[in-house]
Protein backbone atom coordinates (compact mmCIF):
# COMPACT_ATOMS: atom_id res chain seq x y z
CA MET A 1 71.21 123.99 96.44
CA ALA A 2 74.31 123.78 94.54
CA ASP A 3 74.51 121.39 91.64
CA ILE A 4 77.17 118.80 92.51
CA LYS A 5 78.18 117.10 89.33
CA LYS A 6 80.00 113.51 89.83
CA PRO A 7 83.63 113.86 88.65
CA VAL A 8 84.48 112.03 85.29
CA LEU A 9 86.77 109.18 86.01
CA VAL A 10 90.11 109.43 84.02
CA VAL A 11 93.10 107.34 83.99
CA ALA A 12 96.76 108.01 83.05
CA ALA A 13 99.83 105.87 82.73
CA VAL A 14 103.28 106.55 83.80
CA ILE A 15 104.73 104.28 80.95
CA ARG A 16 108.24 103.01 81.21
CA LYS A 17 110.15 100.31 79.01
CA LYS A 18 111.06 97.13 80.58
CA ASP A 19 114.66 97.23 79.53
CA ASP A 20 115.29 100.93 80.16
CA SER A 21 117.92 101.14 83.10
CA GLU A 22 117.39 105.04 83.31
CA LYS A 23 113.65 104.15 84.07
CA ARG A 24 112.55 106.88 81.52
CA ILE A 25 108.97 107.83 81.36
CA LEU A 26 106.93 108.52 78.36
CA LEU A 27 105.14 111.94 77.82
CA VAL A 28 103.02 112.65 74.99
CA ARG A 29 101.96 116.35 73.66
CA ARG A 30 98.29 117.03 73.12
CA GLY A 31 97.66 117.74 69.46
CA PRO A 32 96.45 121.09 68.03
CA ASP A 33 92.87 120.02 67.74
CA GLN A 34 92.43 119.10 71.50
CA SER A 35 91.65 120.98 74.64
CA GLY A 36 94.99 121.81 76.37
CA ALA A 37 96.83 121.64 72.96
CA GLY A 38 100.59 122.02 73.24
CA PHE A 39 100.78 120.76 76.88
CA TRP A 40 102.60 117.47 77.60
CA GLU A 41 100.66 114.61 79.58
CA PHE A 42 100.74 111.11 80.88
CA PRO A 43 98.80 109.28 78.06
CA GLY A 44 95.30 107.84 79.18
CA GLY A 45 91.59 108.79 78.94
CA LYS A 46 88.12 108.35 80.25
CA VAL A 47 86.84 104.92 81.93
CA GLU A 48 83.88 103.85 80.19
CA PRO A 49 80.97 102.15 82.02
CA ALA A 50 81.54 98.58 82.98
CA GLU A 51 85.40 98.99 82.76
CA SER A 52 87.91 98.76 85.58
CA PRO A 53 90.39 101.64 85.34
CA GLU A 54 93.18 99.14 84.49
CA GLN A 55 91.06 97.95 81.67
CA ALA A 56 90.26 101.39 80.50
CA LEU A 57 94.13 102.32 80.86
CA ARG A 58 95.17 99.21 78.48
CA ARG A 59 92.23 100.01 75.99
CA GLU A 60 93.25 103.77 75.80
CA ILE A 61 97.01 103.33 75.40
CA ASP A 62 96.30 100.79 72.59
CA GLU A 63 94.04 103.20 70.92
CA GLU A 64 96.21 106.33 71.23
CA LEU A 65 99.59 104.71 70.91
CA GLY A 66 99.18 101.40 69.41
CA ILE A 67 101.14 99.51 72.25
CA GLN A 68 100.51 97.07 74.89
CA ILE A 69 101.23 98.02 78.48
CA THR A 70 101.23 95.88 81.75
CA VAL A 71 99.61 98.08 84.38
CA GLY A 72 101.36 98.22 87.77
CA ASP A 73 101.33 100.10 90.84
CA PHE A 74 98.77 102.83 91.67
CA VAL A 75 100.72 106.16 91.77
CA GLY A 76 97.82 108.44 93.24
CA GLU A 77 94.31 110.04 92.65
CA LEU A 78 93.08 113.70 92.76
CA ASP A 79 89.93 115.64 91.44
CA PHE A 80 90.79 118.49 89.11
CA ASP A 81 88.28 121.17 88.32
CA TYR A 82 88.17 122.45 84.75
CA PRO A 83 85.81 125.34 83.64
CA THR A 84 83.15 122.85 82.33
CA LYS A 85 83.68 119.60 84.28
CA THR A 86 85.54 118.03 87.22
CA ILE A 87 87.75 115.04 86.56
CA ARG A 88 89.09 112.37 88.97
CA LEU A 89 92.39 111.49 87.66
CA ARG A 90 93.81 108.08 88.59
CA VAL A 91 97.41 107.44 87.83
CA TYR A 92 99.32 104.05 87.43
CA GLU A 93 102.72 102.98 86.76
CA ALA A 94 102.88 100.83 83.59
CA LEU A 95 105.47 98.89 81.60
CA THR A 96 105.86 98.17 77.92
CA SER A 97 108.38 96.11 76.04
CA GLU A 98 107.21 97.82 72.61
CA SER A 99 109.44 100.55 71.13
CA HIS A 100 107.21 101.49 67.93
CA ILE A 101 104.64 104.14 68.97
CA THR A 102 102.01 105.35 66.63
CA LEU A 103 100.50 108.72 67.65
CA THR A 104 96.86 108.94 66.82
CA GLU A 105 95.70 112.06 69.03
CA HIS A 106 99.05 113.64 70.03
CA ASP A 107 101.74 115.38 68.09
CA ALA A 108 104.79 114.54 69.68
CA LEU A 109 106.30 112.00 72.24
CA LYS A 110 109.52 112.03 74.48
CA TRP A 111 111.03 109.94 76.98
CA VAL A 112 112.37 111.51 80.16
CA THR A 113 113.56 110.70 83.61
CA ALA A 114 111.32 111.69 86.45
CA HIS A 115 113.77 114.57 87.13
CA GLU A 116 113.77 115.92 83.68
CA ILE A 117 109.93 116.54 83.46
CA LYS A 118 109.45 120.46 83.25
CA THR A 119 106.16 120.67 85.49
CA GLU A 120 105.28 124.07 83.73
CA GLU A 121 105.03 122.04 80.32
CA LEU A 122 102.59 119.53 81.81
CA SER A 123 98.94 119.64 81.60
CA ALA A 124 97.62 121.10 85.03
CA ALA A 125 96.03 117.85 86.19
CA ASP A 126 99.22 115.97 85.79
CA ARG A 127 101.51 118.36 87.59
CA PRO A 128 100.94 117.14 91.09
CA PHE A 129 102.03 113.76 90.20
CA VAL A 130 105.54 114.90 89.30
CA GLU A 131 106.75 115.23 92.99
CA ILE A 132 105.36 111.67 93.67
CA LEU A 133 107.52 110.39 90.67
CA GLN A 134 110.52 112.28 91.91
CA GLY A 135 110.28 110.84 95.29
CA LYS A 136 109.56 114.18 96.87
CA ARG A 137 106.28 113.17 98.35
């Protein structure tokens, strides 16, 4: 019988600034000491036991970027297989009014419109969400 492992629940935020008329999205680049180093991603992380996905997202963004967000609409969810685990990635829209970001795990950030996102530069699990953000799905 096959060993079926339960996916690890991970959340990510499509963060926009409240006052940005261009509706640019925050992307962060994974640092050299992280798996997937050099790839851009929507920030987020693992959901801890007894946390809702929204609570986890607010906590992770505060820990990784030092900003507060308001979690908005659910964008989508997918399971993604890595060699050692499967993640269930749940993506949400989010807003912030803060402009000072402190990177603790990433080595760069950029603000881009949905149509400026270069899919090949993104972490593989985030790629399917680009079409949704660009209104193609």
